[in-house]
N, C-alpha and C. Protein backbone atom coordinates (compact mmCIF):
# COMPACT_ATOMS: atom_id res chain seq x y z
N MET A 1 152.95 144.12 58.40
CA MET A 1 151.92 145.03 58.01
C MET A 1 150.82 144.22 57.30
N ILE A 2 149.54 144.58 57.58
CA ILE A 2 148.39 143.89 56.99
C ILE A 2 148.00 144.64 55.72
N PRO A 3 147.84 143.90 54.59
CA PRO A 3 147.44 144.59 53.37
C PRO A 3 146.01 145.10 53.47
N VAL A 4 145.76 146.26 52.89
CA VAL A 4 144.44 146.87 52.92
C VAL A 4 143.90 146.89 51.49
N SER A 5 142.63 146.48 51.34
CA SER A 5 142.00 146.48 50.03
C SER A 5 141.04 147.66 49.93
N TYR A 6 141.15 148.42 48.86
CA TYR A 6 140.26 149.54 48.64
C TYR A 6 139.31 149.26 47.48
N GLY A 7 139.02 147.99 47.22
CA GLY A 7 138.14 147.60 46.12
C GLY A 7 136.68 147.86 46.47
N ALA A 8 135.81 147.07 45.86
CA ALA A 8 134.36 147.19 46.06
C ALA A 8 134.00 146.84 47.50
N PRO A 9 132.91 147.42 48.02
CA PRO A 9 132.49 147.11 49.38
C PRO A 9 132.09 145.64 49.50
N PRO A 10 132.19 145.06 50.71
CA PRO A 10 131.80 143.67 50.89
C PRO A 10 130.33 143.47 50.54
N CYS A 11 129.98 142.25 50.11
CA CYS A 11 128.61 141.96 49.69
C CYS A 11 127.91 141.08 50.71
N ASN A 12 126.60 141.17 50.74
CA ASN A 12 125.82 140.31 51.62
C ASN A 12 125.55 138.98 50.90
N LYS A 13 124.71 138.13 51.50
CA LYS A 13 124.44 136.80 50.94
C LYS A 13 123.74 136.86 49.59
N LYS A 14 123.05 137.95 49.30
CA LYS A 14 122.35 138.08 48.02
C LYS A 14 123.23 138.73 46.96
N GLY A 15 124.47 138.99 47.26
CA GLY A 15 125.38 139.58 46.29
C GLY A 15 125.28 141.08 46.17
N ARG A 16 124.55 141.71 47.07
CA ARG A 16 124.41 143.17 47.04
C ARG A 16 125.45 143.80 47.95
N ALA A 17 125.91 144.98 47.56
CA ALA A 17 126.89 145.69 48.39
C ALA A 17 126.27 146.09 49.71
N ASN A 18 127.04 145.99 50.77
CA ASN A 18 126.57 146.39 52.11
C ASN A 18 126.73 147.89 52.28
N ILE A 19 125.81 148.65 51.71
CA ILE A 19 125.83 150.10 51.81
C ILE A 19 124.64 150.51 52.66
N MET A 20 124.87 151.34 53.66
CA MET A 20 123.81 151.74 54.57
C MET A 20 122.87 152.73 53.90
N SER A 21 121.56 152.48 54.07
CA SER A 21 120.54 153.38 53.56
C SER A 21 119.86 154.07 54.74
N ILE A 22 119.37 155.25 54.49
CA ILE A 22 118.61 155.98 55.50
C ILE A 22 117.16 156.00 55.03
N ALA A 23 116.25 155.63 55.92
CA ALA A 23 114.83 155.60 55.57
C ALA A 23 114.06 156.58 56.44
N LYS A 24 112.92 156.98 55.92
CA LYS A 24 112.03 157.89 56.64
C LYS A 24 110.64 157.29 56.64
N VAL A 25 109.85 157.61 57.66
CA VAL A 25 108.47 157.13 57.76
C VAL A 25 107.56 158.34 57.77
N THR A 26 106.52 158.29 56.95
CA THR A 26 105.52 159.36 56.92
C THR A 26 104.14 158.74 57.00
N GLU A 27 103.19 159.48 57.53
CA GLU A 27 101.82 158.98 57.65
C GLU A 27 100.94 159.57 56.56
N ILE A 28 100.09 158.71 55.99
CA ILE A 28 99.12 159.17 55.02
C ILE A 28 97.76 158.57 55.36
N SER A 29 96.71 159.21 54.91
CA SER A 29 95.35 158.72 55.08
C SER A 29 94.74 158.54 53.70
N ALA A 30 93.93 157.49 53.56
CA ALA A 30 93.26 157.23 52.29
C ALA A 30 91.89 156.63 52.56
N SER A 31 91.00 156.76 51.58
CA SER A 31 89.65 156.20 51.75
C SER A 31 89.17 155.59 50.44
N SER A 32 88.14 154.76 50.55
CA SER A 32 87.56 154.10 49.39
C SER A 32 86.08 153.83 49.64
N PRO A 33 85.28 153.86 48.59
CA PRO A 33 83.87 153.50 48.75
C PRO A 33 83.64 151.98 48.66
N THR A 34 84.73 151.20 48.42
CA THR A 34 84.55 149.76 48.22
C THR A 34 85.20 148.86 49.26
N GLY A 35 86.23 149.32 49.99
CA GLY A 35 86.83 148.46 51.01
C GLY A 35 88.20 148.91 51.46
N PHE A 36 88.71 148.22 52.51
CA PHE A 36 90.02 148.57 53.07
C PHE A 36 91.14 148.32 52.07
N GLU A 37 91.10 147.18 51.38
CA GLU A 37 92.17 146.86 50.43
C GLU A 37 92.28 147.93 49.34
N ASP A 38 91.15 148.39 48.85
CA ASP A 38 91.15 149.44 47.83
C ASP A 38 91.68 150.75 48.41
N ALA A 39 91.33 151.06 49.65
CA ALA A 39 91.84 152.28 50.29
C ALA A 39 93.36 152.22 50.42
N ILE A 40 93.88 151.05 50.80
CA ILE A 40 95.35 150.89 50.92
C ILE A 40 96.00 151.09 49.56
N SER A 41 95.47 150.42 48.53
CA SER A 41 96.04 150.54 47.18
C SER A 41 96.00 151.98 46.69
N LYS A 42 94.88 152.65 46.88
CA LYS A 42 94.76 154.05 46.44
C LYS A 42 95.74 154.95 47.19
N GLY A 43 95.90 154.70 48.49
CA GLY A 43 96.83 155.51 49.28
C GLY A 43 98.27 155.35 48.82
N VAL A 44 98.69 154.11 48.59
CA VAL A 44 100.06 153.85 48.13
C VAL A 44 100.26 154.41 46.73
N GLN A 45 99.27 154.21 45.86
CA GLN A 45 99.36 154.73 44.50
C GLN A 45 99.48 156.25 44.48
N ARG A 46 98.68 156.92 45.27
CA ARG A 46 98.74 158.39 45.31
C ARG A 46 100.05 158.87 45.92
N ALA A 47 100.50 158.22 46.98
CA ALA A 47 101.76 158.62 47.62
C ALA A 47 102.95 158.45 46.66
N SER A 48 102.88 157.46 45.78
CA SER A 48 104.00 157.20 44.87
C SER A 48 104.21 158.34 43.87
N LYS A 49 103.24 159.24 43.74
CA LYS A 49 103.42 160.39 42.84
C LYS A 49 104.42 161.39 43.38
N THR A 50 104.58 161.45 44.70
CA THR A 50 105.51 162.42 45.29
C THR A 50 106.57 161.78 46.19
N ILE A 51 106.34 160.55 46.62
CA ILE A 51 107.32 159.85 47.46
C ILE A 51 107.97 158.76 46.63
N HIS A 52 109.30 158.83 46.50
CA HIS A 52 110.03 157.85 45.70
C HIS A 52 110.82 156.93 46.62
N GLY A 53 111.03 155.71 46.21
CA GLY A 53 111.81 154.76 47.00
C GLY A 53 111.02 154.13 48.13
N MET A 54 109.69 154.03 47.98
CA MET A 54 108.88 153.40 49.03
C MET A 54 109.27 151.94 49.16
N ARG A 55 109.36 151.48 50.40
CA ARG A 55 109.75 150.10 50.67
C ARG A 55 108.66 149.30 51.36
N SER A 56 107.83 149.96 52.19
CA SER A 56 106.78 149.24 52.90
C SER A 56 105.74 150.22 53.41
N ALA A 57 104.59 149.66 53.78
CA ALA A 57 103.53 150.46 54.38
C ALA A 57 102.90 149.62 55.48
N TRP A 58 102.63 150.25 56.60
CA TRP A 58 102.02 149.59 57.74
C TRP A 58 100.66 150.23 57.98
N VAL A 59 99.62 149.39 58.05
CA VAL A 59 98.28 149.91 58.31
C VAL A 59 98.20 150.21 59.81
N ASN A 60 98.20 151.48 60.12
CA ASN A 60 98.22 151.92 61.51
C ASN A 60 96.82 151.93 62.12
N GLU A 61 95.82 152.25 61.30
CA GLU A 61 94.45 152.37 61.81
C GLU A 61 93.47 152.16 60.67
N GLN A 62 92.32 151.56 60.99
CA GLN A 62 91.24 151.39 60.04
C GLN A 62 89.96 151.92 60.67
N SER A 63 89.10 152.52 59.85
CA SER A 63 87.81 152.98 60.34
C SER A 63 86.83 153.00 59.17
N VAL A 64 85.56 153.10 59.50
CA VAL A 64 84.52 153.17 58.47
C VAL A 64 83.58 154.32 58.77
N VAL A 65 82.92 154.80 57.71
CA VAL A 65 81.87 155.81 57.84
C VAL A 65 80.55 155.08 57.64
N ILE A 66 79.61 155.30 58.54
CA ILE A 66 78.31 154.65 58.46
C ILE A 66 77.24 155.70 58.20
N ASP A 67 76.39 155.43 57.21
CA ASP A 67 75.30 156.33 56.86
C ASP A 67 74.05 155.47 56.65
N ASN A 68 72.99 155.79 57.38
CA ASN A 68 71.75 155.01 57.31
C ASN A 68 72.00 153.52 57.56
N GLU A 69 72.80 153.24 58.58
CA GLU A 69 73.10 151.87 59.01
C GLU A 69 73.85 151.05 57.96
N ARG A 70 74.51 151.74 57.03
CA ARG A 70 75.32 151.07 56.02
C ARG A 70 76.71 151.68 56.00
N VAL A 71 77.72 150.83 55.77
CA VAL A 71 79.08 151.33 55.60
C VAL A 71 79.16 151.98 54.23
N THR A 72 79.54 153.24 54.22
CA THR A 72 79.62 153.98 52.96
C THR A 72 81.06 154.34 52.56
N GLU A 73 81.98 154.24 53.51
CA GLU A 73 83.37 154.58 53.21
C GLU A 73 84.30 153.84 54.16
N TRP A 74 85.39 153.30 53.60
CA TRP A 74 86.43 152.62 54.38
C TRP A 74 87.65 153.52 54.39
N ARG A 75 88.23 153.74 55.58
CA ARG A 75 89.38 154.63 55.71
C ARG A 75 90.55 153.91 56.37
N VAL A 76 91.76 154.25 55.92
CA VAL A 76 92.98 153.70 56.52
C VAL A 76 93.97 154.82 56.77
N ASN A 77 94.73 154.67 57.82
CA ASN A 77 95.90 155.51 58.08
C ASN A 77 97.10 154.60 57.91
N LEU A 78 98.02 155.00 57.03
CA LEU A 78 99.19 154.19 56.72
C LEU A 78 100.46 154.89 57.16
N LYS A 79 101.44 154.11 57.60
CA LYS A 79 102.79 154.61 57.82
C LYS A 79 103.63 154.04 56.69
N VAL A 80 104.12 154.93 55.83
CA VAL A 80 104.87 154.53 54.65
C VAL A 80 106.36 154.76 54.90
N THR A 81 107.16 153.74 54.63
CA THR A 81 108.62 153.82 54.78
C THR A 81 109.25 153.97 53.40
N PHE A 82 110.15 154.95 53.27
CA PHE A 82 110.84 155.14 52.00
C PHE A 82 112.30 155.50 52.26
N VAL A 83 113.13 155.17 51.28
CA VAL A 83 114.57 155.43 51.38
C VAL A 83 114.83 156.84 50.90
N ILE A 84 115.63 157.57 51.66
CA ILE A 84 115.98 158.95 51.30
C ILE A 84 117.05 158.92 50.22
N ASP A 85 116.85 159.73 49.16
CA ASP A 85 117.81 159.80 48.06
C ASP A 85 119.13 160.34 48.55
N ASP A 86 120.22 159.86 47.92
CA ASP A 86 121.57 160.37 48.23
C ASP A 86 121.76 161.74 47.64
């Protein structure tokens, strides 16, 4: 008979337990009067008020608003990945 261990779950190379997480992806849009980087930061910052456990964001689309031949607004569509709470 092979002995069975019911101790702690096995760990990965970083010493963390190998426990499966479930993640979800949601899309958000954000804009800024100063640039794409600011739009991304504002979008992630605002999303963090209601979405917890965010792990990454992917810039899905970028666009600008032009008024009188000048860029007046930078817009981004982000796909935000977050871990679902247990």
